[in-house]
Amino acid sequence: MIKIAILVWMLGAAFAGSAMVAVLSIESLARQPMKVIPIAALCGFIAAMPLSYLIARKIGRPATG
């Protein structure tokens, strides 16, 4: 299941990109891009970790019914 979670963790790039777009569209944050963008990207990757684990559990669990 860890292998699947690592592959799904690639969603982190999507979360990081979304966080960067949010930072750049908020004027007060866009004034300090060199400071705020790396923090937003890191938060996006960290937020993707538990989500990827949950998705991997759903994929790894056999279907019932």
N, C-alpha and C. Protein backbone atom coordinates (compact mmCIF):
# COMPACT_ATOMS: atom_id res chain seq x y z
N MET A 1 0.82 -1.19 0.00
CA MET A 1 0.00 0.00 0.00
C MET A 1 0.87 1.26 0.00
N ILE A 2 2.05 1.17 0.58
CA ILE A 2 2.93 2.34 0.62
C ILE A 2 3.36 2.73 -0.79
N LYS A 3 3.59 1.76 -1.65
CA LYS A 3 3.98 2.07 -3.03
C LYS A 3 2.88 2.83 -3.75
N ILE A 4 1.64 2.41 -3.53
CA ILE A 4 0.51 3.11 -4.14
C ILE A 4 0.41 4.53 -3.57
N ALA A 5 0.61 4.66 -2.27
CA ALA A 5 0.52 5.98 -1.63
C ALA A 5 1.59 6.92 -2.17
N ILE A 6 2.77 6.39 -2.42
CA ILE A 6 3.85 7.23 -2.96
C ILE A 6 3.49 7.69 -4.37
N LEU A 7 2.92 6.80 -5.16
CA LEU A 7 2.51 7.19 -6.51
C LEU A 7 1.39 8.23 -6.47
N VAL A 8 0.44 8.02 -5.58
CA VAL A 8 -0.67 8.97 -5.48
C VAL A 8 -0.21 10.29 -4.90
N TRP A 9 0.89 10.27 -4.15
CA TRP A 9 1.41 11.50 -3.56
C TRP A 9 1.84 12.50 -4.62
N MET A 10 1.91 12.03 -5.86
CA MET A 10 2.20 12.94 -6.96
C MET A 10 1.12 14.02 -7.06
N LEU A 11 -0.02 13.77 -6.41
CA LEU A 11 -1.05 14.82 -6.34
C LEU A 11 -0.51 16.05 -5.62
N GLY A 12 0.56 15.86 -4.88
CA GLY A 12 1.18 16.99 -4.19
C GLY A 12 1.56 18.11 -5.13
N ALA A 13 1.95 17.75 -6.34
CA ALA A 13 2.28 18.78 -7.33
C ALA A 13 1.04 19.62 -7.67
N ALA A 14 -0.10 18.96 -7.76
CA ALA A 14 -1.34 19.70 -8.04
C ALA A 14 -1.71 20.60 -6.87
N PHE A 15 -1.56 20.08 -5.63
CA PHE A 15 -1.87 20.91 -4.46
C PHE A 15 -0.89 22.08 -4.35
N ALA A 16 0.38 21.82 -4.63
CA ALA A 16 1.38 22.89 -4.56
C ALA A 16 1.09 23.96 -5.62
N GLY A 17 0.71 23.52 -6.80
CA GLY A 17 0.37 24.48 -7.86
C GLY A 17 -0.85 25.31 -7.51
N SER A 18 -1.83 24.66 -6.91
CA SER A 18 -3.03 25.40 -6.50
C SER A 18 -2.70 26.41 -5.41
N ALA A 19 -1.82 26.03 -4.50
CA ALA A 19 -1.42 26.95 -3.44
C ALA A 19 -0.66 28.14 -4.02
N MET A 20 0.17 27.89 -5.02
CA MET A 20 0.92 28.99 -5.63
C MET A 20 -0.01 29.94 -6.37
N VAL A 21 -1.00 29.41 -7.05
CA VAL A 21 -1.98 30.26 -7.74
C VAL A 21 -2.73 31.11 -6.72
N ALA A 22 -3.10 30.49 -5.60
CA ALA A 22 -3.80 31.24 -4.56
C ALA A 22 -2.93 32.37 -4.01
N VAL A 23 -1.65 32.07 -3.81
CA VAL A 23 -0.73 33.10 -3.29
C VAL A 23 -0.60 34.24 -4.28
N LEU A 24 -0.47 33.92 -5.55
CA LEU A 24 -0.26 34.97 -6.55
C LEU A 24 -1.53 35.77 -6.82
N SER A 25 -2.68 35.22 -6.52
CA SER A 25 -3.91 35.97 -6.77
C SER A 25 -4.32 36.84 -5.59
N ILE A 26 -3.71 36.64 -4.44
CA ILE A 26 -3.98 37.49 -3.28
C ILE A 26 -2.91 38.58 -3.27
N GLU A 27 -3.34 39.81 -3.42
CA GLU A 27 -2.41 40.91 -3.64
C GLU A 27 -1.41 41.09 -2.49
N SER A 28 -1.86 40.97 -1.27
CA SER A 28 -0.95 41.18 -0.14
C SER A 28 0.12 40.09 -0.06
N LEU A 29 -0.20 38.88 -0.50
CA LEU A 29 0.79 37.81 -0.51
C LEU A 29 1.68 37.87 -1.74
N ALA A 30 1.15 38.38 -2.85
CA ALA A 30 1.91 38.45 -4.09
C ALA A 30 3.03 39.48 -4.01
N ARG A 31 3.01 40.34 -3.01
CA ARG A 31 4.08 41.34 -2.86
C ARG A 31 5.38 40.72 -2.36
N GLN A 32 5.29 39.54 -1.74
CA GLN A 32 6.47 38.87 -1.20
C GLN A 32 6.58 37.46 -1.77
N PRO A 33 6.68 37.31 -3.09
CA PRO A 33 6.61 35.97 -3.67
C PRO A 33 7.78 35.06 -3.31
N MET A 34 8.97 35.61 -3.13
CA MET A 34 10.14 34.78 -2.83
C MET A 34 10.04 34.16 -1.44
N LYS A 35 9.26 34.75 -0.58
CA LYS A 35 9.10 34.24 0.77
C LYS A 35 7.88 33.32 0.89
N VAL A 36 6.80 33.67 0.22
CA VAL A 36 5.52 32.99 0.43
C VAL A 36 5.34 31.77 -0.49
N ILE A 37 5.83 31.82 -1.72
CA ILE A 37 5.62 30.71 -2.65
C ILE A 37 6.24 29.41 -2.16
N PRO A 38 7.50 29.39 -1.68
CA PRO A 38 8.02 28.12 -1.17
C PRO A 38 7.23 27.57 0.02
N ILE A 39 6.74 28.44 0.87
CA ILE A 39 5.93 28.00 2.01
C ILE A 39 4.63 27.39 1.51
N ALA A 40 3.99 28.04 0.53
CA ALA A 40 2.73 27.53 -0.02
C ALA A 40 2.95 26.18 -0.72
N ALA A 41 4.03 26.05 -1.46
CA ALA A 41 4.31 24.78 -2.14
C ALA A 41 4.56 23.66 -1.13
N LEU A 42 5.30 23.95 -0.08
CA LEU A 42 5.56 22.96 0.96
C LEU A 42 4.26 22.55 1.65
N CYS A 43 3.41 23.50 1.94
CA CYS A 43 2.11 23.19 2.57
C CYS A 43 1.26 22.33 1.64
N GLY A 44 1.33 22.58 0.34
CA GLY A 44 0.58 21.76 -0.61
C GLY A 44 1.05 20.32 -0.61
N PHE A 45 2.36 20.11 -0.57
CA PHE A 45 2.89 18.75 -0.54
C PHE A 45 2.56 18.06 0.77
N ILE A 46 2.62 18.78 1.86
CA ILE A 46 2.30 18.18 3.16
C ILE A 46 0.81 17.84 3.23
N ALA A 47 -0.03 18.68 2.68
CA ALA A 47 -1.47 18.41 2.68
C ALA A 47 -1.81 17.20 1.82
N ALA A 48 -0.98 16.90 0.82
CA ALA A 48 -1.25 15.77 -0.06
C ALA A 48 -0.89 14.44 0.58
N MET A 49 -0.05 14.43 1.61
CA MET A 49 0.36 13.17 2.24
C MET A 49 -0.80 12.37 2.82
N PRO A 50 -1.60 12.93 3.73
CA PRO A 50 -2.70 12.13 4.27
C PRO A 50 -3.75 11.78 3.22
N LEU A 51 -3.97 12.68 2.27
CA LEU A 51 -4.94 12.41 1.23
C LEU A 51 -4.48 11.24 0.35
N SER A 52 -3.21 11.19 0.03
CA SER A 52 -2.71 10.09 -0.78
C SER A 52 -2.79 8.77 -0.02
N TYR A 53 -2.57 8.80 1.28
CA TYR A 53 -2.69 7.58 2.07
C TYR A 53 -4.13 7.07 2.06
N LEU A 54 -5.10 7.97 2.20
CA LEU A 54 -6.51 7.57 2.17
C LEU A 54 -6.91 7.01 0.81
N ILE A 55 -6.43 7.63 -0.26
CA ILE A 55 -6.74 7.13 -1.59
C ILE A 55 -6.10 5.76 -1.80
N ALA A 56 -4.87 5.58 -1.33
CA ALA A 56 -4.19 4.29 -1.47
C ALA A 56 -4.94 3.20 -0.71
N ARG A 57 -5.47 3.53 0.46
CA ARG A 57 -6.26 2.55 1.22
C ARG A 57 -7.51 2.15 0.44
N LYS A 58 -8.15 3.12 -0.18
CA LYS A 58 -9.36 2.82 -0.97
C LYS A 58 -9.00 1.95 -2.18
N ILE A 59 -7.88 2.22 -2.82
CA ILE A 59 -7.47 1.45 -3.98
C ILE A 59 -7.07 0.02 -3.55
N GLY A 60 -6.36 -0.09 -2.45
CA GLY A 60 -5.87 -1.38 -1.99
C GLY A 60 -6.93 -2.27 -1.38
N ARG A 61 -8.01 -1.71 -0.93
CA ARG A 61 -9.08 -2.49 -0.30
C ARG A 61 -9.89 -3.22 -1.37
N PRO A 62 -10.11 -4.53 -1.20
CA PRO A 62 -10.90 -5.26 -2.19
C PRO A 62 -12.35 -4.78 -2.19
N ALA A 63 -12.94 -4.77 -3.36
CA ALA A 63 -14.33 -4.32 -3.50
C ALA A 63 -15.28 -5.36 -2.92
N THR A 64 -16.28 -4.88 -2.23
CA THR A 64 -17.30 -5.77 -1.69
C THR A 64 -18.61 -5.52 -2.41
N GLY A 65 -19.38 -6.53 -2.55
CA GLY A 65 -20.68 -6.32 -3.15
C GLY A 65 -20.96 -7.33 -4.13
